[in-house]
């Protein structure tokens, strides 16, 4: 909800947009966006506006700027924002600012981009660059952790140590989110003034709890691709299942396509 108020900082809607901006500007993807943060921020805003329930163009910070359907006027478009969830990745092409020049490389990068499941990031299967962007956003929005400045060698070592802590936590038999967050906090504050002073958060929901709410160590959305041949003809069937139910017969088919 773009308009949901919070006591301080950004609401969940804006926080999610800010995180996606950081992920798309990570080392892994930044070369796909020649105009940098301005371009990425606009793309992320348009994606959020296309699926959120209101009809406004929503900038970060609760600022609105006209009707979102104004982005879809003219012969090229002929439709407006959907204002509900997408049902397939191909729908991303309907959103203003989405271009195959960067979308296709993202889609080709394993399962880095998805529209299925919850908004949590599985840190045990995500690339190091995505985990790094997630931790960077957390560190720089937490009042109890010193900011990580790009180009600062000591800060980058803290970031690398935090990413390593996540991967170590994921390597256990039963990865525990609370333990992972604790080890990330330790890595981000070791050797800093915060460690010496024992500074803690005192107002509102802690950044640690927000960080914990953004991640998961389990996957429930799986894609199955089956192919068959008849002479020179090959057919592929792609299916996406939600396996969050404990019994296989209750797994939910969320997408099906014959190619």
Foldseek 3Di string as FASTA:
>chain_A
DLQDDDPDDFDPLLLLLVLQLLLCCFPVHVVLPPVHSVLSSVLSQQVSCLAAQDQFSAHTPSDTDDGQQVLQDDPVHPDGRPNHADLDPVCSVNTPSDDCSRPVVCVVPPPNDDRDDDQAAQLQPDDLRSVLSLLLSLQCVAPLFDHQDPPDPVSVQLSVQLSVLSNVLLPDPDRDLVSSLVSNVCSRPPPHVSVVVVDDDDDDDGSSVVSSVRHDNDDFKDKDKDWDDDVPDIKIKIWIWGRPDPDPVPIDTRDIDID
